[in-house]
Amino acid sequence: MNCIDTHIHIWNFDRAAYSWLDGNTTILNRSHLIEELSPQLTGAGVTEGVLVQAANTVEETMYMLEVAEHTSWLKGVVGWLPLLQPAEISKILSDGYARNPLFKGVRHLIHDEPDSKWLLQPAVRQSLRMLSDEKIPYDVVGINTEHLETVLALLHEIPELQLVVDHLNQPPIQQKEKFGKWGELMTELGSYSNVYAKISGLGTTAGKGSDWGEEDIKPYVAFVLDKFGTSRCFCGGDWPVSLLAGSYKHAWTTYQQTLMSLLNSQDTEKVLYQNAKAFYKL
């Protein structure tokens, strides 16, 4: 079965700065290159991949595009655009790096912004309207219910913006909550036909190191499959951040087994492959 990993990070300290790693004492605080991940694909059952930004810089996005151009199994890049500068974005969309056929989506590290309503600033909304007009999807990386409320407010303003909620916005796995405020807001988001759910990052969200498995995430995966439907969910490994919760193979085996326990083979293939191809136009 084909499988697209829609959430791969690479960082090269010689090519870009990653300020959020300053002072980090984990395995994450070093360069993580695509050459380290490529040999692990077969064992994890992954056939294709998408790179996702981990720095709010043009330099990192250019680096990812360069790597994707030279790596046959990488099918796209979710890069960064200066959303606070709509005039600059207009230029990049018309004749800049966004014209690269591998540029498939946009993300900004909103969870690092002190204001949970960062996306609602007038300049940012103007930029996101441009993305909507160009049918370029936006990845939302939120970590609390305020971020979900912000996304709902944004959709009232730009109802046709294609969005995906990265890491399911960190469901309350550790608290074993079923499903609380997170569930209410995700249910509302699931009612928008242009909003997708990315099943990713759940190992680190579980907060058990590498001792997490199907039983930890299954209720939350089942919940989003129900609320968003099997045509609007897809998966991502979140390497190398996922290494804080075990190996690449462990993450993907857990996701695949969870999906196969909940879905028939046709719907499993949609979540592992077809939906991502449609959303990112791979």
Foldseek 3Di string as FASTA:
>chain_A
DEFEAEEAEFDAPVFDDQVVCVPPPDPVPHGGDVVVCVVCCVLQVYQAYEYEDRDQDPRRQVVRLVVQVVDPRYQAYAEEDPQLDQVVLVVCCVDNPCPPNRHQAYEDPCQPDPDLLVCVPPSNLSNQLVCLVVLRAYEQEAQDLSNLVNVVVSCVVVVRHQYEYPCLNLFQLCVVDPHPSSLVSLLVQLVRLRYAYENEPNLVSNVPFQPDALVSCLVVVLSNCVRNNLLRAAYHYNPPVCVSHPDSSRSSVRVLVSDVVPDPPVSSCNRRPVSVCVSRVD
